Amino acid sequence: MVLAGLALVIAAPLLAIAAVAIRLASPGPIVYRAERIGRGRRPFVMYKLRTMHARRRGDGSRVTGKHDPRVFPVGSWLRRAKLDELPQLVTSTTRPWTSRR
């Protein structure tokens, strides 16, 4: 948890630059929030930088292909560099590490 917090502090300038780039490239939220199922089938919230155009009504969920038109150019670069996953450090610092056996 301490290591994730330190990594988050170090990554803060990158996150700020990425946030500005996302805001300029595509209207909508900067962070994507999704609920996932974790250990013990317990749900948790996962955060990522948004790399796709904001979802429009009628757009269903589908698998993202290599050249998916929903991914904007800045988002494509963030994905290749794996920078879209930096907000997951927030999850690592806030989630309890203890669990029932």
PDB file of N, CA and C in Angstrom:
ATOM      1  N   MET A   1       0.824  -1.177   0.000  1.00  0.00           N
ATOM      2  CA  MET A   1       0.000   0.000   0.000  1.00  0.00           C
ATOM      3  C   MET A   1       0.877   1.252   0.000  1.00  0.00           C
ATOM      4  N   VAL A   2       1.933   1.241   0.767  1.00  0.00           N
ATOM      5  CA  VAL A   2       2.848   2.380   0.810  1.00  0.00           C
ATOM      6  C   VAL A   2       3.534   2.542  -0.539  1.00  0.00           C
ATOM      7  N   LEU A   3       3.915   1.423  -1.142  1.00  0.00           N
ATOM      8  CA  LEU A   3       4.579   1.458  -2.443  1.00  0.00           C
ATOM      9  C   LEU A   3       3.645   2.040  -3.513  1.00  0.00           C
ATOM     10  N   ALA A   4       2.380   1.641  -3.487  1.00  0.00           N
ATOM     11  CA  ALA A   4       1.413   2.184  -4.448  1.00  0.00           C
ATOM     12  C   ALA A   4       1.218   3.684  -4.230  1.00  0.00           C
ATOM     13  N   GLY A   5       1.195   4.116  -2.975  1.00  0.00           N
ATOM     14  CA  GLY A   5       1.069   5.543  -2.679  1.00  0.00           C
ATOM     15  C   GLY A   5       2.259   6.335  -3.191  1.00  0.00           C
ATOM     16  N   LEU A   6       3.450   5.790  -3.006  1.00  0.00           N
ATOM     17  CA  LEU A   6       4.664   6.436  -3.508  1.00  0.00           C
ATOM     18  C   LEU A   6       4.648   6.490  -5.034  1.00  0.00           C
ATOM     19  N   ALA A   7       4.242   5.395  -5.668  1.00  0.00           N
ATOM     20  CA  ALA A   7       4.159   5.365  -7.130  1.00  0.00           C
ATOM     21  C   ALA A   7       3.144   6.387  -7.633  1.00  0.00           C
ATOM     22  N   LEU A   8       2.062   6.556  -6.903  1.00  0.00           N
ATOM     23  CA  LEU A   8       1.040   7.533  -7.283  1.00  0.00           C
ATOM     24  C   LEU A   8       1.588   8.956  -7.219  1.00  0.00           C
ATOM     25  N   VAL A   9       2.372   9.254  -6.199  1.00  0.00           N
ATOM     26  CA  VAL A   9       2.988  10.585  -6.072  1.00  0.00           C
ATOM     27  C   VAL A   9       3.972  10.822  -7.219  1.00  0.00           C
ATOM     28  N   ILE A  10       4.769   9.811  -7.531  1.00  0.00           N
ATOM     29  CA  ILE A  10       5.747   9.929  -8.620  1.00  0.00           C
ATOM     30  C   ILE A  10       5.040  10.071  -9.968  1.00  0.00           C
ATOM     31  N   ALA A  11       3.924   9.364 -10.134  1.00  0.00           N
ATOM     32  CA  ALA A  11       3.199   9.376 -11.404  1.00  0.00           C
ATOM     33  C   ALA A  11       2.285  10.591 -11.567  1.00  0.00           C
ATOM     34  N   ALA A  12       2.122  11.393 -10.533  1.00  0.00           N
ATOM     35  CA  ALA A  12       1.196  12.528 -10.578  1.00  0.00           C
ATOM     36  C   ALA A  12       1.439  13.470 -11.766  1.00  0.00           C
ATOM     37  N   PRO A  13       2.691  13.839 -12.080  1.00  0.00           N
ATOM     38  CA  PRO A  13       2.886  14.703 -13.252  1.00  0.00           C
ATOM     39  C   PRO A  13       2.430  14.044 -14.556  1.00  0.00           C
ATOM     40  N   LEU A  14       2.687  12.746 -14.703  1.00  0.00           N
ATOM     41  CA  LEU A  14       2.226  12.029 -15.897  1.00  0.00           C
ATOM     42  C   LEU A  14       0.704  12.000 -15.964  1.00  0.00           C
ATOM     43  N   LEU A  15       0.087  11.775 -14.818  1.00  0.00           N
ATOM     44  CA  LEU A  15      -1.376  11.768 -14.766  1.00  0.00           C
ATOM     45  C   LEU A  15      -1.944  13.133 -15.152  1.00  0.00           C
ATOM     46  N   ALA A  16      -1.318  14.196 -14.693  1.00  0.00           N
ATOM     47  CA  ALA A  16      -1.784  15.550 -15.013  1.00  0.00           C
ATOM     48  C   ALA A  16      -1.672  15.830 -16.511  1.00  0.00           C
ATOM     49  N   ILE A  17      -0.552  15.457 -17.104  1.00  0.00           N
ATOM     50  CA  ILE A  17      -0.357  15.656 -18.548  1.00  0.00           C
ATOM     51  C   ILE A  17      -1.367  14.831 -19.335  1.00  0.00           C
ATOM     52  N   ALA A  18      -1.557  13.576 -18.924  1.00  0.00           N
ATOM     53  CA  ALA A  18      -2.519  12.706 -19.605  1.00  0.00           C
ATOM     54  C   ALA A  18      -3.936  13.262 -19.478  1.00  0.00           C
ATOM     55  N   ALA A  19      -4.278  13.796 -18.317  1.00  0.00           N
ATOM     56  CA  ALA A  19      -5.616  14.356 -18.102  1.00  0.00           C
ATOM     57  C   ALA A  19      -5.875  15.539 -19.037  1.00  0.00           C
ATOM     58  N   VAL A  20      -4.897  16.408 -19.176  1.00  0.00           N
ATOM     59  CA  VAL A  20      -5.042  17.559 -20.081  1.00  0.00           C
ATOM     60  C   VAL A  20      -5.173  17.070 -21.523  1.00  0.00           C
ATOM     61  N   ALA A  21      -4.365  16.090 -21.909  1.00  0.00           N
ATOM     62  CA  ALA A  21      -4.417  15.554 -23.271  1.00  0.00           C
ATOM     63  C   ALA A  21      -5.779  14.923 -23.563  1.00  0.00           C
ATOM     64  N   ILE A  22      -6.321  14.188 -22.603  1.00  0.00           N
ATOM     65  CA  ILE A  22      -7.638  13.566 -22.783  1.00  0.00           C
ATOM     66  C   ILE A  22      -8.702  14.644 -22.925  1.00  0.00           C
ATOM     67  N   ARG A  23      -8.650  15.647 -22.079  1.00  0.00           N
ATOM     68  CA  ARG A  23      -9.644  16.730 -22.104  1.00  0.00           C
ATOM     69  C   ARG A  23      -9.612  17.458 -23.450  1.00  0.00           C
ATOM     70  N   LEU A  24      -8.410  17.688 -23.996  1.00  0.00           N
ATOM     71  CA  LEU A  24      -8.289  18.385 -25.275  1.00  0.00           C
ATOM     72  C   LEU A  24      -8.693  17.503 -26.453  1.00  0.00           C
ATOM     73  N   ALA A  25      -8.468  16.200 -26.342  1.00  0.00           N
ATOM     74  CA  ALA A  25      -8.713  15.283 -27.452  1.00  0.00           C
ATOM     75  C   ALA A  25     -10.171  14.870 -27.595  1.00  0.00           C
ATOM     76  N   SER A  26     -10.876  14.776 -26.480  1.00  0.00           N
ATOM     77  CA  SER A  26     -12.236  14.249 -26.540  1.00  0.00           C
ATOM     78  C   SER A  26     -13.050  14.773 -25.364  1.00  0.00           C
ATOM     79  N   PRO A  27     -14.244  15.296 -25.631  1.00  0.00           N
ATOM     80  CA  PRO A  27     -15.071  15.765 -24.517  1.00  0.00           C
ATOM     81  C   PRO A  27     -15.555  14.589 -23.667  1.00  0.00           C
ATOM     82  N   GLY A  28     -15.738  14.861 -22.406  1.00  0.00           N
ATOM     83  CA  GLY A  28     -16.221  13.812 -21.510  1.00  0.00           C
ATOM     84  C   GLY A  28     -15.326  13.696 -20.297  1.00  0.00           C
ATOM     85  N   PRO A  29     -15.628  12.733 -19.449  1.00  0.00           N
ATOM     86  CA  PRO A  29     -14.837  12.567 -18.226  1.00  0.00           C
ATOM     87  C   PRO A  29     -13.413  12.109 -18.530  1.00  0.00           C
ATOM     88  N   ILE A  30     -12.506  12.391 -17.631  1.00  0.00           N
ATOM     89  CA  ILE A  30     -11.107  11.991 -17.795  1.00  0.00           C
ATOM     90  C   ILE A  30     -10.898  10.564 -17.308  1.00  0.00           C
ATOM     91  N   VAL A  31     -11.584  10.227 -16.246  1.00  0.00           N
ATOM     92  CA  VAL A  31     -11.406   8.905 -15.636  1.00  0.00           C
ATOM     93  C   VAL A  31     -12.610   8.025 -15.944  1.00  0.00           C
ATOM     94  N   TYR A  32     -12.316   6.779 -16.297  1.00  0.00           N
ATOM     95  CA  TYR A  32     -13.333   5.766 -16.541  1.00  0.00           C
ATOM     96  C   TYR A  32     -13.449   4.929 -15.280  1.00  0.00           C
ATOM     97  N   ARG A  33     -14.652   4.696 -14.831  1.00  0.00           N
ATOM     98  CA  ARG A  33     -14.903   3.952 -13.599  1.00  0.00           C
ATOM     99  C   ARG A  33     -15.742   2.732 -13.950  1.00  0.00           C
ATOM    100  N   ALA A  34     -15.289   1.554 -13.518  1.00  0.00           N
ATOM    101  CA  ALA A  34     -16.035   0.325 -13.795  1.00  0.00           C
ATOM    102  C   ALA A  34     -16.007  -0.581 -12.577  1.00  0.00           C
ATOM    103  N   GLU A  35     -17.091  -1.288 -12.389  1.00  0.00           N
ATOM    104  CA  GLU A  35     -17.138  -2.242 -11.287  1.00  0.00           C
ATOM    105  C   GLU A  35     -16.667  -3.596 -11.804  1.00  0.00           C
ATOM    106  N   ARG A  36     -15.785  -4.227 -11.060  1.00  0.00           N
ATOM    107  CA  ARG A  36     -15.243  -5.541 -11.404  1.00  0.00           C
ATOM    108  C   ARG A  36     -15.461  -6.485 -10.232  1.00  0.00           C
ATOM    109  N   ILE A  37     -15.328  -7.760 -10.500  1.00  0.00           N
ATOM    110  CA  ILE A  37     -15.440  -8.767  -9.453  1.00  0.00           C
ATOM    111  C   ILE A  37     -14.029  -9.183  -9.061  1.00  0.00           C
ATOM    112  N   GLY A  38     -13.734  -9.103  -7.772  1.00  0.00           N
ATOM    113  CA  GLY A  38     -12.394  -9.404  -7.280  1.00  0.00           C
ATOM    114  C   GLY A  38     -12.340 -10.707  -6.515  1.00  0.00           C
ATOM    115  N   ARG A  39     -11.337 -10.808  -5.690  1.00  0.00           N
ATOM    116  CA  ARG A  39     -11.117 -12.001  -4.880  1.00  0.00           C
ATOM    117  C   ARG A  39     -12.344 -12.269  -4.008  1.00  0.00           C
ATOM    118  N   GLY A  40     -12.705 -13.522  -3.923  1.00  0.00           N
ATOM    119  CA  GLY A  40     -13.870 -13.884  -3.136  1.00  0.00           C
ATOM    120  C   GLY A  40     -15.174 -13.432  -3.770  1.00  0.00           C
ATOM    121  N   ARG A  41     -15.134 -13.141  -5.075  1.00  0.00           N
ATOM    122  CA  ARG A  41     -16.298 -12.680  -5.836  1.00  0.00           C
ATOM    123  C   ARG A  41     -16.911 -11.399  -5.271  1.00  0.00           C
ATOM    124  N   ARG A  42     -16.069 -10.604  -4.615  1.00  0.00           N
ATOM    125  CA  ARG A  42     -16.529  -9.317  -4.090  1.00  0.00           C
ATOM    126  C   ARG A  42     -16.296  -8.223  -5.128  1.00  0.00           C
ATOM    127  N   PRO A  43     -17.295  -7.383  -5.354  1.00  0.00           N
ATOM    128  CA  PRO A  43     -17.126  -6.304  -6.330  1.00  0.00           C
ATOM    129  C   PRO A  43     -16.211  -5.199  -5.794  1.00  0.00           C
ATOM    130  N   PHE A  44     -15.486  -4.577  -6.707  1.00  0.00           N
ATOM    131  CA  PHE A  44     -14.678  -3.404  -6.377  1.00  0.00           C
ATOM    132  C   PHE A  44     -14.707  -2.463  -7.568  1.00  0.00           C
ATOM    133  N   VAL A  45     -14.382  -1.208  -7.329  1.00  0.00           N
ATOM    134  CA  VAL A  45     -14.380  -0.200  -8.389  1.00  0.00           C
ATOM    135  C   VAL A  45     -12.970  -0.064  -8.939  1.00  0.00           C
ATOM    136  N   MET A  46     -12.859  -0.137 -10.265  1.00  0.00           N
ATOM    137  CA  MET A  46     -11.581   0.003 -10.948  1.00  0.00           C
ATOM    138  C   MET A  46     -11.600   1.334 -11.705  1.00  0.00           C
ATOM    139  N   TYR A  47     -10.506   2.062 -11.634  1.00  0.00           N
ATOM    140  CA  TYR A  47     -10.387   3.342 -12.329  1.00  0.00           C
ATOM    141  C   TYR A  47      -9.328   3.233 -13.418  1.00  0.00           C
ATOM    142  N   LYS A  48      -9.607   3.855 -14.561  1.00  0.00           N
ATOM    143  CA  LYS A  48      -8.640   3.950 -15.652  1.00  0.00           C
ATOM    144  C   LYS A  48      -8.811   5.315 -16.305  1.00  0.00           C
ATOM    145  N   LEU A  49      -7.781   5.773 -16.972  1.00  0.00           N
ATOM    146  CA  LEU A  49      -7.931   6.981 -17.777  1.00  0.00           C
ATOM    147  C   LEU A  49      -8.776   6.618 -18.992  1.00  0.00           C
ATOM    148  N   ARG A  50      -9.683   7.496 -19.369  1.00  0.00           N
ATOM    149  CA  ARG A  50     -10.561   7.211 -20.507  1.00  0.00           C
ATOM    150  C   ARG A  50      -9.765   7.288 -21.798  1.00  0.00           C
ATOM    151  N   THR A  51      -9.844   6.229 -22.596  1.00  0.00           N
ATOM    152  CA  THR A  51      -9.118   6.171 -23.860  1.00  0.00           C
ATOM    153  C   THR A  51     -10.060   6.091 -25.056  1.00  0.00           C
ATOM    154  N   MET A  52     -11.352   6.021 -24.784  1.00  0.00           N
ATOM    155  CA  MET A  52     -12.347   5.937 -25.853  1.00  0.00           C
ATOM    156  C   MET A  52     -13.256   7.159 -25.786  1.00  0.00           C
ATOM    157  N   HIS A  53     -13.875   7.468 -26.908  1.00  0.00           N
ATOM    158  CA  HIS A  53     -14.859   8.550 -26.909  1.00  0.00           C
ATOM    159  C   HIS A  53     -15.941   8.208 -25.899  1.00  0.00           C
ATOM    160  N   ALA A  54     -16.487   9.227 -25.261  1.00  0.00           N
ATOM    161  CA  ALA A  54     -17.532   9.013 -24.258  1.00  0.00           C
ATOM    162  C   ALA A  54     -18.685   8.246 -24.888  1.00  0.00           C
ATOM    163  N   ARG A  55     -19.223   7.342 -24.130  1.00  0.00           N
ATOM    164  CA  ARG A  55     -20.275   6.451 -24.627  1.00  0.00           C
ATOM    165  C   ARG A  55     -21.536   7.236 -24.970  1.00  0.00           C
ATOM    166  N   ARG A  56     -22.070   6.907 -26.112  1.00  0.00           N
ATOM    167  CA  ARG A  56     -23.305   7.543 -26.554  1.00  0.00           C
ATOM    168  C   ARG A  56     -24.461   6.581 -26.321  1.00  0.00           C
ATOM    169  N   ARG A  57     -25.657   7.126 -26.250  1.00  0.00           N
ATOM    170  CA  ARG A  57     -26.832   6.266 -26.094  1.00  0.00           C
ATOM    171  C   ARG A  57     -26.910   5.302 -27.265  1.00  0.00           C
ATOM    172  N   GLY A  58     -27.251   4.067 -26.953  1.00  0.00           N
ATOM    173  CA  GLY A  58     -27.387   3.063 -28.001  1.00  0.00           C
ATOM    174  C   GLY A  58     -26.106   2.299 -28.270  1.00  0.00           C
ATOM    175  N   ASP A  59     -24.970   2.809 -27.792  1.00  0.00           N
ATOM    176  CA  ASP A  59     -23.718   2.074 -27.961  1.00  0.00           C
ATOM    177  C   ASP A  59     -23.692   0.944 -26.952  1.00  0.00           C
ATOM    178  N   GLY A  60     -23.631  -0.261 -27.445  1.00  0.00           N
ATOM    179  CA  GLY A  60     -23.553  -1.403 -26.542  1.00  0.00           C
ATOM    180  C   GLY A  60     -22.115  -1.710 -26.198  1.00  0.00           C
ATOM    181  N   SER A  61     -21.951  -2.513 -25.202  1.00  0.00           N
ATOM    182  CA  SER A  61     -20.606  -2.931 -24.817  1.00  0.00           C
ATOM    183  C   SER A  61     -20.121  -3.962 -25.819  1.00  0.00           C
ATOM    184  N   ARG A  62     -18.897  -3.785 -26.315  1.00  0.00           N
ATOM    185  CA  ARG A  62     -18.309  -4.775 -27.204  1.00  0.00           C
ATOM    186  C   ARG A  62     -16.818  -4.822 -26.972  1.00  0.00           C
ATOM    187  N   VAL A  63     -16.228  -5.839 -27.511  1.00  0.00           N
ATOM    188  CA  VAL A  63     -14.792  -6.022 -27.344  1.00  0.00           C
ATOM    189  C   VAL A  63     -14.065  -4.969 -28.172  1.00  0.00           C
ATOM    190  N   THR A  64     -13.001  -4.421 -27.621  1.00  0.00           N
ATOM    191  CA  THR A  64     -12.222  -3.398 -28.309  1.00  0.00           C
ATOM    192  C   THR A  64     -11.186  -4.057 -29.202  1.00  0.00           C
ATOM    193  N   GLY A  65     -11.244  -3.756 -30.486  1.00  0.00           N
ATOM    194  CA  GLY A  65     -10.276  -4.291 -31.434  1.00  0.00           C
ATOM    195  C   GLY A  65      -9.052  -3.401 -31.529  1.00  0.00           C
ATOM    196  N   LYS A  66      -8.079  -3.857 -32.300  1.00  0.00           N
ATOM    197  CA  LYS A  66      -6.823  -3.118 -32.423  1.00  0.00           C
ATOM    198  C   LYS A  66      -7.032  -1.728 -33.032  1.00  0.00           C
ATOM    199  N   HIS A  67      -7.893  -1.639 -34.017  1.00  0.00           N
ATOM    200  CA  HIS A  67      -8.139  -0.350 -34.688  1.00  0.00           C
ATOM    201  C   HIS A  67      -9.584   0.097 -34.465  1.00  0.00           C
ATOM    202  N   ASP A  68     -10.042   0.000 -33.251  1.00  0.00           N
ATOM    203  CA  ASP A  68     -11.416   0.362 -32.898  1.00  0.00           C
ATOM    204  C   ASP A  68     -11.608   1.867 -33.078  1.00  0.00           C
ATOM    205  N   PRO A  69     -12.617   2.292 -33.842  1.00  0.00           N
ATOM    206  CA  PRO A  69     -12.828   3.728 -34.072  1.00  0.00           C
ATOM    207  C   PRO A  69     -13.247   4.496 -32.819  1.00  0.00           C
ATOM    208  N   ARG A  70     -13.665   3.790 -31.773  1.00  0.00           N
ATOM    209  CA  ARG A  70     -14.057   4.471 -30.538  1.00  0.00           C
ATOM    210  C   ARG A  70     -12.848   4.988 -29.762  1.00  0.00           C
ATOM    211  N   VAL A  71     -11.664   4.424 -30.021  1.00  0.00           N
ATOM    212  CA  VAL A  71     -10.442   4.845 -29.324  1.00  0.00           C
ATOM    213  C   VAL A  71      -9.883   6.067 -30.045  1.00  0.00           C
ATOM    214  N   PHE A  72      -9.728   7.172 -29.323  1.00  0.00           N
ATOM    215  CA  PHE A  72      -9.178   8.370 -29.956  1.00  0.00           C
ATOM    216  C   PHE A  72      -7.646   8.295 -29.937  1.00  0.00           C
ATOM    217  N   PRO A  73      -6.948   9.062 -30.802  1.00  0.00           N
ATOM    218  CA  PRO A  73      -5.489   8.928 -30.940  1.00  0.00           C
ATOM    219  C   PRO A  73      -4.703   9.050 -29.635  1.00  0.00           C
ATOM    220  N   VAL A  74      -5.032  10.011 -28.797  1.00  0.00           N
ATOM    221  CA  VAL A  74      -4.334  10.142 -27.510  1.00  0.00           C
ATOM    222  C   VAL A  74      -4.585   8.890 -26.671  1.00  0.00           C
ATOM    223  N   GLY A  75      -5.809   8.397 -26.711  1.00  0.00           N
ATOM    224  CA  GLY A  75      -6.158   7.186 -25.976  1.00  0.00           C
ATOM    225  C   GLY A  75      -5.371   5.983 -26.457  1.00  0.00           C
ATOM    226  N   SER A  76      -5.163   5.903 -27.756  1.00  0.00           N
ATOM    227  CA  SER A  76      -4.375   4.802 -28.315  1.00  0.00           C
ATOM    228  C   SER A  76      -2.945   4.841 -27.789  1.00  0.00           C
ATOM    229  N   TRP A  77      -2.380   6.036 -27.732  1.00  0.00           N
ATOM    230  CA  TRP A  77      -1.017   6.170 -27.207  1.00  0.00           C
ATOM    231  C   TRP A  77      -0.965   5.814 -25.724  1.00  0.00           C
ATOM    232  N   LEU A  78      -1.955   6.274 -24.959  1.00  0.00           N
ATOM    233  CA  LEU A  78      -2.004   5.954 -23.527  1.00  0.00           C
ATOM    234  C   LEU A  78      -2.094   4.447 -23.308  1.00  0.00           C
ATOM    235  N   ARG A  79      -2.863   3.767 -24.152  1.00  0.00           N
ATOM    236  CA  ARG A  79      -2.976   2.310 -24.032  1.00  0.00           C
ATOM    237  C   ARG A  79      -1.653   1.620 -24.341  1.00  0.00           C
ATOM    238  N   ARG A  80      -1.008   2.037 -25.424  1.00  0.00           N
ATOM    239  CA  ARG A  80       0.273   1.402 -25.787  1.00  0.00           C
ATOM    240  C   ARG A  80       1.308   1.588 -24.686  1.00  0.00           C
ATOM    241  N   ALA A  81       1.318   2.762 -24.064  1.00  0.00           N
ATOM    242  CA  ALA A  81       2.282   3.058 -22.996  1.00  0.00           C
ATOM    243  C   ALA A  81       1.810   2.533 -21.636  1.00  0.00           C
ATOM    244  N   LYS A  82       0.600   1.963 -21.588  1.00  0.00           N
ATOM    245  CA  LYS A  82       0.000   1.440 -20.347  1.00  0.00           C
ATOM    246  C   LYS A  82      -0.250   2.537 -19.306  1.00  0.00           C
ATOM    247  N   LEU A  83      -0.269   3.783 -19.734  1.00  0.00           N
ATOM    248  CA  LEU A  83      -0.510   4.891 -18.806  1.00  0.00           C
ATOM    249  C   LEU A  83      -1.979   5.000 -18.415  1.00  0.00           C
ATOM    250  N   ASP A  84      -2.854   4.388 -19.198  1.00  0.00           N
ATOM    251  CA  ASP A  84      -4.279   4.427 -18.855  1.00  0.00           C
ATOM    252  C   ASP A  84      -4.571   3.675 -17.561  1.00  0.00           C
ATOM    253  N   GLU A  85      -3.645   2.846 -17.125  1.00  0.00           N
ATOM    254  CA  GLU A  85      -3.842   2.043 -15.917  1.00  0.00           C
ATOM    255  C   GLU A  85      -3.301   2.700 -14.642  1.00  0.00           C
ATOM    256  N   LEU A  86      -2.668   3.849 -14.754  1.00  0.00           N
ATOM    257  CA  LEU A  86      -2.114   4.518 -13.573  1.00  0.00           C
ATOM    258  C   LEU A  86      -3.142   4.798 -12.474  1.00  0.00           C
ATOM    259  N   PRO A  87      -4.376   5.184 -12.800  1.00  0.00           N
ATOM    260  CA  PRO A  87      -5.340   5.430 -11.715  1.00  0.00           C
ATOM    261  C   PRO A  87      -5.651   4.193 -10.869  1.00  0.00           C
ATOM    262  N   GLN A  88      -5.286   3.016 -11.333  1.00  0.00           N
ATOM    263  CA  GLN A  88      -5.506   1.816 -10.529  1.00  0.00           C
ATOM    264  C   GLN A  88      -4.660   1.842  -9.261  1.00  0.00           C
ATOM    265  N   LEU A  89      -3.646   2.692  -9.249  1.00  0.00           N
ATOM    266  CA  LEU A  89      -2.858   2.857  -8.024  1.00  0.00           C
ATOM    267  C   LEU A  89      -3.731   3.407  -6.900  1.00  0.00           C
ATOM    268  N   VAL A  90      -4.742   4.194  -7.262  1.00  0.00           N
ATOM    269  CA  VAL A  90      -5.674   4.707  -6.254  1.00  0.00           C
ATOM    270  C   VAL A  90      -6.405   3.539  -5.607  1.00  0.00           C
ATOM    271  N   THR A  91      -6.840   2.594  -6.420  1.00  0.00           N
ATOM    272  CA  THR A  91      -7.521   1.406  -5.899  1.00  0.00           C
ATOM    273  C   THR A  91      -6.594   0.643  -4.968  1.00  0.00           C
ATOM    274  N   SER A  92      -5.332   0.547  -5.331  1.00  0.00           N
ATOM    275  CA  SER A  92      -4.362  -0.188  -4.512  1.00  0.00           C
ATOM    276  C   SER A  92      -4.136   0.475  -3.163  1.00  0.00           C
ATOM    277  N   THR A  93      -4.263   1.785  -3.110  1.00  0.00           N
ATOM    278  CA  THR A  93      -4.016   2.477  -1.841  1.00  0.00           C
ATOM    279  C   THR A  93      -5.254   2.544  -0.955  1.00  0.00           C
ATOM    280  N   THR A  94      -6.434   2.360  -1.530  1.00  0.00           N
ATOM    281  CA  THR A  94      -7.657   2.491  -0.738  1.00  0.00           C
ATOM    282  C   THR A  94      -8.314   1.162  -0.393  1.00  0.00           C
ATOM    283  N   ARG A  95      -7.969   0.119  -1.109  1.00  0.00           N
ATOM    284  CA  ARG A  95      -8.583  -1.188  -0.863  1.00  0.00           C
ATOM    285  C   ARG A  95      -7.941  -1.877   0.320  1.00  0.00           C
ATOM    286  N   PRO A  96      -8.729  -2.481   1.188  1.00  0.00           N
ATOM    287  CA  PRO A  96      -8.123  -3.208   2.313  1.00  0.00           C
ATOM    288  C   PRO A  96      -7.386  -4.450   1.822  1.00  0.00           C
ATOM    289  N   TRP A  97      -6.227  -4.700   2.382  1.00  0.00           N
ATOM    290  CA  TRP A  97      -5.415  -5.846   1.979  1.00  0.00           C
ATOM    291  C   TRP A  97      -5.760  -7.095   2.776  1.00  0.00           C
ATOM    292  N   THR A  98      -6.534  -6.948   3.808  1.00  0.00           N
ATOM    293  CA  THR A  98      -6.907  -8.117   4.594  1.00  0.00           C
ATOM    294  C   THR A  98      -8.216  -8.675   4.072  1.00  0.00           C
ATOM    295  N   SER A  99      -8.334  -9.965   4.115  1.00  0.00           N
ATOM    296  CA  SER A  99      -9.568 -10.594   3.660  1.00  0.00           C
ATOM    297  C   SER A  99      -9.855 -11.821   4.508  1.00  0.00           C
ATOM    298  N   ARG A 100     -11.105 -12.235   4.480  1.00  0.00           N
ATOM    299  CA  ARG A 100     -11.489 -13.445   5.204  1.00  0.00           C
ATOM    300  C   ARG A 100     -11.019 -14.661   4.437  1.00  0.00           C
ATOM    301  N   ARG A 101     -10.707 -15.703   5.154  1.00  0.00           N
ATOM    302  CA  ARG A 101     -10.283 -16.950   4.495  1.00  0.00           C
ATOM    303  C   ARG A 101     -11.397 -17.925   4.430  1.00  0.00           C
TER     304      ARG A 101
END
